[in-house]
Amino acid sequence: MNRTTFKYLVMLRPKQWLKNLMIFFPPFLGGAILAPGVPARGAVPFAAFCLAASSTYVLNDLCDRHNDSHHPVKRHRPIPSGAVSPSLALAICVLLLVPALWLGWLVSPVFLLLLVAYLAISVCYSLKLKEIPVLDLFCISSGFLLRLQAGGEAFGIPVSPWLFLSVFLLSLFLSTGKRLGELNALGEGAGAHRKSLLHYPEGVLDLLLAMTGAAVLVTYTLYVVTRPALVYTVILCCFGLFRFVLRVKSGLGGDPTESLLKDKQLLAVSVLWALMFAWIVYR
């Protein structure tokens, strides 16, 4: 892979496409993922969200290019580093958006509506909402919830209230960890990178992290309690939450995707949870 291709690939952030696996949660957790045609049926919805997500990542980097120049890692991204011009980045953003919307329409009008809602919130977040404390956390959380609902629509599987609450609180927990990780890593220069960090008084993000983590454990337990064998997965859920908090407070970063890929214990417990859940539901 040459340098030109690589810089464009980095700009699309393919690692973040892991979040789009949330689309497969309704059939997987509902015991339907192995039904004939179900995995293949998820290809188009998954591709639609991958293209849409990359479009929003490009727009976000474009809007943040000046602030990202103060970040020790993000300043090396193609747009803030100057490797890709703003005009070319905007063109790529639009080129990604068109096929994303077309694929969304192929799935269903409701799926397209959820995809458009995701794009609208992401654009508002990139332009202004990321600067507003608390609201920025809810914007990030909405992305996970819309993926979950879109998955339910794509596969024709209703999302239960307890699953909705579990994903909502987990996404808030991860969003808070991401912000706290940024605050710890950047220190006094945090405000130059992200304005919302200036408006979180000392200790507030720690408190929010503890609150949402505890709430996730409660809602997830209530979600699985109807199937007695699944209660044992709560142990793995608890370990994963504790490990993420330890990672954030140790200054290792709070980005959910990076944490999952770089932390061997988090990756292992996530895979073990999926295997245990699958064995109990599909045996």
C-alpha atoms as a PDB file:
ATOM      1  CA  MET A   1       0.000   0.000   0.000  1.00  0.00           C
ATOM      2  CA  ASN A   2       1.511   3.342  -1.054  1.00  0.00           C
ATOM      3  CA  ARG A   3       1.502   6.474   1.109  1.00  0.00           C
ATOM      4  CA  THR A   4      -1.307   8.175  -0.810  1.00  0.00           C
ATOM      5  CA  THR A   5      -3.684   5.249  -0.374  1.00  0.00           C
ATOM      6  CA  PHE A   6      -2.685   4.866   3.261  1.00  0.00           C
ATOM      7  CA  LYS A   7      -3.398   8.498   4.196  1.00  0.00           C
ATOM      8  CA  TYR A   8      -6.887   8.278   2.700  1.00  0.00           C
ATOM      9  CA  LEU A   9      -7.532   5.019   4.519  1.00  0.00           C
ATOM     10  CA  VAL A  10      -6.407   6.560   7.813  1.00  0.00           C
ATOM     11  CA  MET A  11      -8.769   9.483   7.228  1.00  0.00           C
ATOM     12  CA  LEU A  12     -11.725   7.074   6.934  1.00  0.00           C
ATOM     13  CA  ARG A  13     -10.840   5.506  10.341  1.00  0.00           C
ATOM     14  CA  PRO A  14     -11.709   1.869   9.471  1.00  0.00           C
ATOM     15  CA  LYS A  15     -10.959   0.794  13.053  1.00  0.00           C
ATOM     16  CA  GLN A  16     -14.015   2.752  14.162  1.00  0.00           C
ATOM     17  CA  TRP A  17     -16.218   0.572  11.940  1.00  0.00           C
ATOM     18  CA  LEU A  18     -16.201  -1.885  14.850  1.00  0.00           C
ATOM     19  CA  LYS A  19     -18.940   0.294  16.364  1.00  0.00           C
ATOM     20  CA  ASN A  20     -21.186  -0.597  13.432  1.00  0.00           C
ATOM     21  CA  LEU A  21     -21.261  -4.214  14.613  1.00  0.00           C
ATOM     22  CA  MET A  22     -23.956  -2.875  16.952  1.00  0.00           C
ATOM     23  CA  ILE A  23     -26.287  -3.435  13.977  1.00  0.00           C
ATOM     24  CA  PHE A  24     -25.946  -7.183  14.508  1.00  0.00           C
ATOM     25  CA  PHE A  25     -26.810  -7.027  18.231  1.00  0.00           C
ATOM     26  CA  PRO A  26     -30.603  -7.532  17.824  1.00  0.00           C
ATOM     27  CA  PRO A  27     -30.313 -10.814  15.864  1.00  0.00           C
ATOM     28  CA  PHE A  28     -27.321 -12.043  17.876  1.00  0.00           C
ATOM     29  CA  LEU A  29     -28.844 -11.378  21.280  1.00  0.00           C
ATOM     30  CA  GLY A  30     -32.260 -12.538  20.051  1.00  0.00           C
ATOM     31  CA  GLY A  31     -30.926 -15.933  19.005  1.00  0.00           C
ATOM     32  CA  ALA A  32     -31.510 -15.389  15.287  1.00  0.00           C
ATOM     33  CA  ILE A  33     -28.030 -14.654  13.921  1.00  0.00           C
ATOM     34  CA  LEU A  34     -27.614 -18.218  12.580  1.00  0.00           C
ATOM     35  CA  ALA A  35     -30.967 -18.273  10.793  1.00  0.00           C
ATOM     36  CA  PRO A  36     -30.696 -18.786   7.008  1.00  0.00           C
ATOM     37  CA  GLY A  37     -29.783 -15.575   5.202  1.00  0.00           C
ATOM     38  CA  VAL A  38     -29.479 -13.436   8.338  1.00  0.00           C
ATOM     39  CA  PRO A  39     -25.687 -12.772   8.261  1.00  0.00           C
ATOM     40  CA  ALA A  40     -25.804 -11.873   4.556  1.00  0.00           C
ATOM     41  CA  ARG A  41     -28.823  -9.649   5.189  1.00  0.00           C
ATOM     42  CA  GLY A  42     -26.661  -7.461   7.419  1.00  0.00           C
ATOM     43  CA  ALA A  43     -24.043  -6.706   4.748  1.00  0.00           C
ATOM     44  CA  VAL A  44     -25.864  -3.737   3.167  1.00  0.00           C
ATOM     45  CA  PRO A  45     -26.896  -2.084   6.490  1.00  0.00           C
ATOM     46  CA  PHE A  46     -23.353  -2.522   7.817  1.00  0.00           C
ATOM     47  CA  ALA A  47     -21.833  -1.008   4.668  1.00  0.00           C
ATOM     48  CA  ALA A  48     -24.288   1.907   4.808  1.00  0.00           C
ATOM     49  CA  PHE A  49     -23.266   2.811   8.352  1.00  0.00           C
ATOM     50  CA  CYS A  50     -19.559   2.334   7.589  1.00  0.00           C
ATOM     51  CA  LEU A  51     -19.745   4.811   4.703  1.00  0.00           C
ATOM     52  CA  ALA A  52     -21.893   7.222   6.721  1.00  0.00           C
ATOM     53  CA  ALA A  53     -19.595   7.006   9.735  1.00  0.00           C
ATOM     54  CA  SER A  54     -16.473   7.629   7.640  1.00  0.00           C
ATOM     55  CA  SER A  55     -18.198  10.624   6.072  1.00  0.00           C
ATOM     56  CA  THR A  56     -18.838  12.102   9.513  1.00  0.00           C
ATOM     57  CA  TYR A  57     -15.262  11.335  10.631  1.00  0.00           C
ATOM     58  CA  VAL A  58     -13.906  13.269   7.663  1.00  0.00           C
ATOM     59  CA  LEU A  59     -16.230  16.191   8.409  1.00  0.00           C
ATOM     60  CA  ASN A  60     -15.284  16.128  12.096  1.00  0.00           C
ATOM     61  CA  ASP A  61     -11.558  16.174  11.267  1.00  0.00           C
ATOM     62  CA  LEU A  62     -12.204  19.000   8.839  1.00  0.00           C
ATOM     63  CA  CYS A  63     -14.002  21.081  11.470  1.00  0.00           C
ATOM     64  CA  ASP A  64     -11.455  20.173  14.156  1.00  0.00           C
ATOM     65  CA  ARG A  65      -8.285  20.586  12.102  1.00  0.00           C
ATOM     66  CA  HIS A  66      -7.101  23.651  14.036  1.00  0.00           C
ATOM     67  CA  ASN A  67      -7.882  22.235  17.483  1.00  0.00           C
ATOM     68  CA  ASP A  68      -6.412  18.838  16.570  1.00  0.00           C
ATOM     69  CA  SER A  69      -3.102  20.529  15.835  1.00  0.00           C
ATOM     70  CA  HIS A  70      -2.739  20.878  19.641  1.00  0.00           C
ATOM     71  CA  HIS A  71      -3.283  17.156  20.242  1.00  0.00           C
ATOM     72  CA  PRO A  72      -0.148  14.960  20.489  1.00  0.00           C
ATOM     73  CA  VAL A  73      -1.706  12.166  18.398  1.00  0.00           C
ATOM     74  CA  LYS A  74      -4.487  13.715  16.312  1.00  0.00           C
ATOM     75  CA  ARG A  75      -2.167  16.356  14.843  1.00  0.00           C
ATOM     76  CA  HIS A  76      -0.663  13.591  12.697  1.00  0.00           C
ATOM     77  CA  ARG A  77      -3.998  12.799  11.035  1.00  0.00           C
ATOM     78  CA  PRO A  78      -4.126  13.560   7.285  1.00  0.00           C
ATOM     79  CA  ILE A  79      -6.302  16.693   7.512  1.00  0.00           C
ATOM     80  CA  PRO A  80      -4.771  18.566  10.509  1.00  0.00           C
ATOM     81  CA  SER A  81      -1.264  17.623   9.329  1.00  0.00           C
ATOM     82  CA  GLY A  82      -1.956  19.134   5.889  1.00  0.00           C
ATOM     83  CA  ALA A  83      -1.505  15.859   3.977  1.00  0.00           C
ATOM     84  CA  VAL A  84      -5.073  16.234   2.655  1.00  0.00           C
ATOM     85  CA  SER A  85      -6.443  19.647   1.717  1.00  0.00           C
ATOM     86  CA  PRO A  86      -9.763  20.878   3.195  1.00  0.00           C
ATOM     87  CA  SER A  87     -11.397  21.078  -0.256  1.00  0.00           C
ATOM     88  CA  LEU A  88     -10.431  17.494  -1.110  1.00  0.00           C
ATOM     89  CA  ALA A  89     -11.589  16.301   2.322  1.00  0.00           C
ATOM     90  CA  LEU A  90     -14.983  17.942   1.780  1.00  0.00           C
ATOM     91  CA  ALA A  91     -15.303  16.270  -1.623  1.00  0.00           C
ATOM     92  CA  ILE A  92     -14.500  12.866  -0.112  1.00  0.00           C
ATOM     93  CA  CYS A  93     -17.073  13.499   2.609  1.00  0.00           C
ATOM     94  CA  VAL A  94     -19.802  14.040  -0.014  1.00  0.00           C
ATOM     95  CA  LEU A  95     -18.645  11.081  -2.119  1.00  0.00           C
ATOM     96  CA  LEU A  96     -19.031   8.805   0.905  1.00  0.00           C
ATOM     97  CA  LEU A  97     -22.398  10.246   1.823  1.00  0.00           C
ATOM     98  CA  VAL A  98     -24.165   9.543  -1.484  1.00  0.00           C
ATOM     99  CA  PRO A  99     -23.680   5.728  -1.569  1.00  0.00           C
ATOM    100  CA  ALA A 100     -24.410   5.555   2.175  1.00  0.00           C
ATOM    101  CA  LEU A 101     -27.856   7.100   1.646  1.00  0.00           C
ATOM    102  CA  TRP A 102     -28.513   4.920  -1.400  1.00  0.00           C
ATOM    103  CA  LEU A 103     -27.673   1.743   0.537  1.00  0.00           C
ATOM    104  CA  GLY A 104     -29.841   2.951   3.408  1.00  0.00           C
ATOM    105  CA  TRP A 105     -32.787   3.342   1.051  1.00  0.00           C
ATOM    106  CA  LEU A 106     -32.223  -0.193  -0.235  1.00  0.00           C
ATOM    107  CA  VAL A 107     -32.712  -1.540   3.286  1.00  0.00           C
ATOM    108  CA  SER A 108     -35.961   0.304   4.083  1.00  0.00           C
ATOM    109  CA  PRO A 109     -37.362   3.848   4.458  1.00  0.00           C
ATOM    110  CA  VAL A 110     -37.280   3.528   8.257  1.00  0.00           C
ATOM    111  CA  PHE A 111     -33.640   2.417   8.184  1.00  0.00           C
ATOM    112  CA  LEU A 112     -32.836   5.390   5.940  1.00  0.00           C
ATOM    113  CA  LEU A 113     -34.579   7.693   8.421  1.00  0.00           C
ATOM    114  CA  LEU A 114     -32.445   6.326  11.267  1.00  0.00           C
ATOM    115  CA  LEU A 115     -29.318   6.729   9.127  1.00  0.00           C
ATOM    116  CA  VAL A 116     -30.233  10.330   8.312  1.00  0.00           C
ATOM    117  CA  ALA A 117     -30.850  10.997  12.013  1.00  0.00           C
ATOM    118  CA  TYR A 118     -27.372   9.621  12.761  1.00  0.00           C
ATOM    119  CA  LEU A 119     -25.853  11.870  10.091  1.00  0.00           C
ATOM    120  CA  ALA A 120     -27.788  14.935  11.257  1.00  0.00           C
ATOM    121  CA  ILE A 121     -26.707  14.535  14.879  1.00  0.00           C
ATOM    122  CA  SER A 122     -23.114  13.864  13.790  1.00  0.00           C
ATOM    123  CA  VAL A 123     -23.027  17.017  11.664  1.00  0.00           C
ATOM    124  CA  CYS A 124     -24.487  19.139  14.482  1.00  0.00           C
ATOM    125  CA  TYR A 125     -21.988  17.558  16.858  1.00  0.00           C
ATOM    126  CA  SER A 126     -19.047  18.395  14.576  1.00  0.00           C
ATOM    127  CA  LEU A 127     -20.208  21.970  14.006  1.00  0.00           C
ATOM    128  CA  LYS A 128     -21.235  22.995  17.539  1.00  0.00           C
ATOM    129  CA  LEU A 129     -22.666  20.433  19.982  1.00  0.00           C
ATOM    130  CA  LYS A 130     -19.288  18.915  20.860  1.00  0.00           C
ATOM    131  CA  GLU A 131     -18.474  22.205  22.617  1.00  0.00           C
ATOM    132  CA  ILE A 132     -21.423  21.902  25.027  1.00  0.00           C
ATOM    133  CA  PRO A 133     -20.736  19.822  28.173  1.00  0.00           C
ATOM    134  CA  VAL A 134     -23.032  16.839  28.872  1.00  0.00           C
ATOM    135  CA  LEU A 135     -24.797  17.360  25.548  1.00  0.00           C
ATOM    136  CA  ASP A 136     -21.606  16.208  23.827  1.00  0.00           C
ATOM    137  CA  LEU A 137     -21.818  12.918  25.748  1.00  0.00           C
ATOM    138  CA  PHE A 138     -25.438  12.373  24.714  1.00  0.00           C
ATOM    139  CA  CYS A 139     -24.584  13.054  21.061  1.00  0.00           C
ATOM    140  CA  ILE A 140     -21.943  10.312  21.106  1.00  0.00           C
ATOM    141  CA  SER A 141     -24.368   7.990  22.899  1.00  0.00           C
ATOM    142  CA  SER A 142     -27.054   8.611  20.273  1.00  0.00           C
ATOM    143  CA  GLY A 143     -24.795   7.103  17.628  1.00  0.00           C
ATOM    144  CA  PHE A 144     -24.790   3.741  19.400  1.00  0.00           C
ATOM    145  CA  LEU A 145     -28.545   3.839  19.999  1.00  0.00           C
ATOM    146  CA  LEU A 146     -29.335   4.665  16.378  1.00  0.00           C
ATOM    147  CA  ARG A 147     -27.110   1.799  15.223  1.00  0.00           C
ATOM    148  CA  LEU A 148     -28.974  -0.530  17.589  1.00  0.00           C
ATOM    149  CA  GLN A 149     -32.398   0.613  16.386  1.00  0.00           C
ATOM    150  CA  ALA A 150     -31.248   0.438  12.774  1.00  0.00           C
ATOM    151  CA  GLY A 151     -30.158  -3.145  13.358  1.00  0.00           C
ATOM    152  CA  GLY A 152     -33.561  -4.006  14.763  1.00  0.00           C
ATOM    153  CA  GLU A 153     -35.202  -2.463  11.695  1.00  0.00           C
ATOM    154  CA  ALA A 154     -32.855  -4.154   9.220  1.00  0.00           C
ATOM    155  CA  PHE A 155     -33.465  -7.619  10.662  1.00  0.00           C
ATOM    156  CA  GLY A 156     -37.082  -7.105  11.694  1.00  0.00           C
ATOM    157  CA  ILE A 157     -36.325  -7.788  15.364  1.00  0.00           C
ATOM    158  CA  PRO A 158     -37.759  -5.473  18.063  1.00  0.00           C
ATOM    159  CA  VAL A 159     -35.253  -4.006  20.524  1.00  0.00           C
ATOM    160  CA  SER A 160     -36.329  -4.743  24.094  1.00  0.00           C
ATOM    161  CA  PRO A 161     -36.527  -1.838  26.590  1.00  0.00           C
ATOM    162  CA  TRP A 162     -33.840  -3.357  28.824  1.00  0.00           C
ATOM    163  CA  LEU A 163     -31.456  -3.810  25.890  1.00  0.00           C
ATOM    164  CA  PHE A 164     -32.114  -0.223  24.827  1.00  0.00           C
ATOM    165  CA  LEU A 165     -31.350   1.032  28.342  1.00  0.00           C
ATOM    166  CA  SER A 166     -28.247  -1.143  28.651  1.00  0.00           C
ATOM    167  CA  VAL A 167     -26.795   0.161  25.387  1.00  0.00           C
ATOM    168  CA  PHE A 168     -27.782   3.745  26.224  1.00  0.00           C
ATOM    169  CA  LEU A 169     -26.051   3.683  29.607  1.00  0.00           C
ATOM    170  CA  LEU A 170     -23.044   1.752  28.304  1.00  0.00           C
ATOM    171  CA  SER A 171     -22.554   4.295  25.537  1.00  0.00           C
ATOM    172  CA  LEU A 172     -22.753   7.144  28.080  1.00  0.00           C
ATOM    173  CA  PHE A 173     -20.225   5.294  30.228  1.00  0.00           C
ATOM    174  CA  LEU A 174     -17.827   4.902  27.287  1.00  0.00           C
ATOM    175  CA  SER A 175     -18.352   8.512  26.162  1.00  0.00           C
ATOM    176  CA  THR A 176     -17.566   9.775  29.651  1.00  0.00           C
ATOM    177  CA  GLY A 177     -14.467   7.596  29.787  1.00  0.00           C
ATOM    178  CA  LYS A 178     -13.331   9.003  26.461  1.00  0.00           C
ATOM    179  CA  ARG A 179     -13.698  12.585  27.698  1.00  0.00           C
ATOM    180  CA  LEU A 180     -11.989  11.816  31.004  1.00  0.00           C
ATOM    181  CA  GLY A 181      -9.159  10.113  29.143  1.00  0.00           C
ATOM    182  CA  GLU A 182      -8.689  13.224  26.985  1.00  0.00           C
ATOM    183  CA  LEU A 183      -8.725  15.466  30.047  1.00  0.00           C
ATOM    184  CA  ASN A 184      -6.108  13.360  31.834  1.00  0.00           C
ATOM    185  CA  ALA A 185      -3.885  13.090  28.768  1.00  0.00           C
ATOM    186  CA  LEU A 186      -3.937  16.762  27.771  1.00  0.00           C
ATOM    187  CA  GLY A 187      -3.937  18.352  31.226  1.00  0.00           C
ATOM    188  CA  GLU A 188      -3.926  22.150  31.129  1.00  0.00           C
ATOM    189  CA  GLY A 189      -3.976  22.122  27.337  1.00  0.00           C
ATOM    190  CA  ALA A 190      -7.253  20.183  27.181  1.00  0.00           C
ATOM    191  CA  GLY A 191      -9.326  23.280  26.493  1.00  0.00           C
ATOM    192  CA  ALA A 192      -7.271  24.148  23.428  1.00  0.00           C
ATOM    193  CA  HIS A 193      -8.194  20.805  21.908  1.00  0.00           C
ATOM    194  CA  ARG A 194     -11.806  20.490  23.074  1.00  0.00           C
ATOM    195  CA  LYS A 195     -13.751  23.442  24.491  1.00  0.00           C
ATOM    196  CA  SER A 196     -16.278  21.312  26.397  1.00  0.00           C
ATOM    197  CA  LEU A 197     -13.483  20.047  28.661  1.00  0.00           C
ATOM    198  CA  LEU A 198     -13.154  23.580  30.058  1.00  0.00           C
ATOM    199  CA  HIS A 199     -16.699  23.372  31.434  1.00  0.00           C
ATOM    200  CA  TYR A 200     -16.432  20.112  33.381  1.00  0.00           C
ATOM    201  CA  PRO A 201     -15.516  20.986  36.994  1.00  0.00           C
ATOM    202  CA  GLU A 202     -12.881  18.807  38.621  1.00  0.00           C
ATOM    203  CA  GLY A 203     -14.290  15.426  39.635  1.00  0.00           C
ATOM    204  CA  VAL A 204     -17.520  15.667  37.617  1.00  0.00           C
ATOM    205  CA  LEU A 205     -16.428  13.284  34.865  1.00  0.00           C
ATOM    206  CA  ASP A 206     -15.187  10.815  37.503  1.00  0.00           C
ATOM    207  CA  LEU A 207     -18.595  10.944  39.173  1.00  0.00           C
ATOM    208  CA  LEU A 208     -20.437  10.496  35.872  1.00  0.00           C
ATOM    209  CA  LEU A 209     -18.215   7.542  35.003  1.00  0.00           C
ATOM    210  CA  ALA A 210     -19.028   5.855  38.319  1.00  0.00           C
ATOM    211  CA  MET A 211     -22.767   6.581  37.994  1.00  0.00           C
ATOM    212  CA  THR A 212     -23.133   5.271  34.459  1.00  0.00           C
ATOM    213  CA  GLY A 213     -20.949   2.224  35.156  1.00  0.00           C
ATOM    214  CA  ALA A 214     -23.126   1.227  38.107  1.00  0.00           C
ATOM    215  CA  ALA A 215     -26.293   1.822  36.093  1.00  0.00           C
ATOM    216  CA  VAL A 216     -25.003  -0.387  33.258  1.00  0.00           C
ATOM    217  CA  LEU A 217     -24.512  -3.284  35.675  1.00  0.00           C
ATOM    218  CA  VAL A 218     -28.066  -2.921  36.997  1.00  0.00           C
ATOM    219  CA  THR A 219     -29.787  -2.658  33.612  1.00  0.00           C
ATOM    220  CA  TYR A 220     -27.718  -5.433  32.027  1.00  0.00           C
ATOM    221  CA  THR A 221     -28.487  -7.713  34.973  1.00  0.00           C
ATOM    222  CA  LEU A 222     -32.196  -7.007  34.567  1.00  0.00           C
ATOM    223  CA  TYR A 223     -31.867  -7.685  30.839  1.00  0.00           C
ATOM    224  CA  VAL A 224     -30.362 -11.171  31.297  1.00  0.00           C
ATOM    225  CA  VAL A 225     -32.159 -12.224  34.494  1.00  0.00           C
ATOM    226  CA  THR A 226     -35.029 -13.745  32.498  1.00  0.00           C
ATOM    227  CA  ARG A 227     -32.567 -16.390  31.275  1.00  0.00           C
ATOM    228  CA  PRO A 228     -30.912 -17.768  34.422  1.00  0.00           C
ATOM    229  CA  ALA A 229     -27.805 -19.106  32.645  1.00  0.00           C
ATOM    230  CA  LEU A 230     -27.037 -15.675  31.187  1.00  0.00           C
ATOM    231  CA  VAL A 231     -26.663 -14.226  34.676  1.00  0.00           C
ATOM    232  CA  TYR A 232     -23.116 -15.590  34.716  1.00  0.00           C
ATOM    233  CA  THR A 233     -22.186 -13.185  31.904  1.00  0.00           C
ATOM    234  CA  VAL A 234     -22.682 -10.347  34.413  1.00  0.00           C
ATOM    235  CA  ILE A 235     -19.318 -11.343  35.890  1.00  0.00           C
ATOM    236  CA  LEU A 236     -17.632 -10.662  32.550  1.00  0.00           C
ATOM    237  CA  CYS A 237     -19.561  -7.427  32.117  1.00  0.00           C
ATOM    238  CA  CYS A 238     -18.420  -6.276  35.546  1.00  0.00           C
ATOM    239  CA  PHE A 239     -14.789  -7.140  34.787  1.00  0.00           C
ATOM    240  CA  GLY A 240     -14.916  -5.252  31.484  1.00  0.00           C
ATOM    241  CA  LEU A 241     -16.319  -2.128  33.136  1.00  0.00           C
ATOM    242  CA  PHE A 242     -13.711  -2.230  35.905  1.00  0.00           C
ATOM    243  CA  ARG A 243     -10.907  -2.766  33.407  1.00  0.00           C
ATOM    244  CA  PHE A 244     -12.031   0.194  31.300  1.00  0.00           C
ATOM    245  CA  VAL A 245     -12.157   2.458  34.372  1.00  0.00           C
ATOM    246  CA  LEU A 246      -8.669   1.301  35.380  1.00  0.00           C
ATOM    247  CA  ARG A 247      -7.406   2.034  31.895  1.00  0.00           C
ATOM    248  CA  VAL A 248      -8.883   5.540  31.875  1.00  0.00           C
ATOM    249  CA  LYS A 249      -7.650   6.434  35.359  1.00  0.00           C
ATOM    250  CA  SER A 250      -4.180   5.059  34.586  1.00  0.00           C
ATOM    251  CA  GLY A 251      -3.810   7.470  31.695  1.00  0.00           C
ATOM    252  CA  LEU A 252      -3.899   4.781  28.990  1.00  0.00           C
ATOM    253  CA  GLY A 253      -6.706   6.485  27.076  1.00  0.00           C
ATOM    254  CA  GLY A 254     -10.483   6.208  27.010  1.00  0.00           C
ATOM    255  CA  ASP A 255     -11.316   5.765  23.347  1.00  0.00           C
ATOM    256  CA  PRO A 256     -13.568   2.658  23.312  1.00  0.00           C
ATOM    257  CA  THR A 257     -12.289   1.243  20.024  1.00  0.00           C
ATOM    258  CA  GLU A 258      -8.624   1.848  20.794  1.00  0.00           C
ATOM    259  CA  SER A 259      -9.093   0.388  24.274  1.00  0.00           C
ATOM    260  CA  LEU A 260     -10.686  -2.764  22.883  1.00  0.00           C
ATOM    261  CA  LEU A 261      -7.981  -3.291  20.257  1.00  0.00           C
ATOM    262  CA  LYS A 262      -4.974  -2.423  22.404  1.00  0.00           C
ATOM    263  CA  ASP A 263      -5.955  -3.810  25.813  1.00  0.00           C
ATOM    264  CA  LYS A 264      -5.537  -7.594  25.736  1.00  0.00           C
ATOM    265  CA  GLN A 265      -7.666  -8.123  28.834  1.00  0.00           C
ATOM    266  CA  LEU A 266     -10.554  -6.054  27.482  1.00  0.00           C
ATOM    267  CA  LEU A 267     -10.377  -7.830  24.139  1.00  0.00           C
ATOM    268  CA  ALA A 268     -10.228 -11.234  25.800  1.00  0.00           C
ATOM    269  CA  VAL A 269     -13.183 -10.603  28.114  1.00  0.00           C
ATOM    270  CA  SER A 270     -15.228  -9.205  25.200  1.00  0.00           C
ATOM    271  CA  VAL A 271     -14.592 -12.304  23.089  1.00  0.00           C
ATOM    272  CA  LEU A 272     -15.277 -14.563  26.077  1.00  0.00           C
ATOM    273  CA  TRP A 273     -18.576 -12.731  26.745  1.00  0.00           C
ATOM    274  CA  ALA A 274     -19.656 -13.195  23.114  1.00  0.00           C
ATOM    275  CA  LEU A 275     -18.723 -16.893  23.170  1.00  0.00           C
ATOM    276  CA  MET A 276     -20.471 -17.518  26.492  1.00  0.00           C
ATOM    277  CA  PHE A 277     -23.594 -15.648  25.388  1.00  0.00           C
ATOM    278  CA  ALA A 278     -23.626 -17.555  22.086  1.00  0.00           C
ATOM    279  CA  TRP A 279     -23.162 -20.934  23.789  1.00  0.00           C
ATOM    280  CA  ILE A 280     -26.039 -20.290  26.204  1.00  0.00           C
ATOM    281  CA  VAL A 281     -28.457 -18.894  23.614  1.00  0.00           C
ATOM    282  CA  TYR A 282     -27.639 -21.124  20.645  1.00  0.00           C
ATOM    283  CA  ARG A 283     -26.807 -24.466  22.242  1.00  0.00           C
END
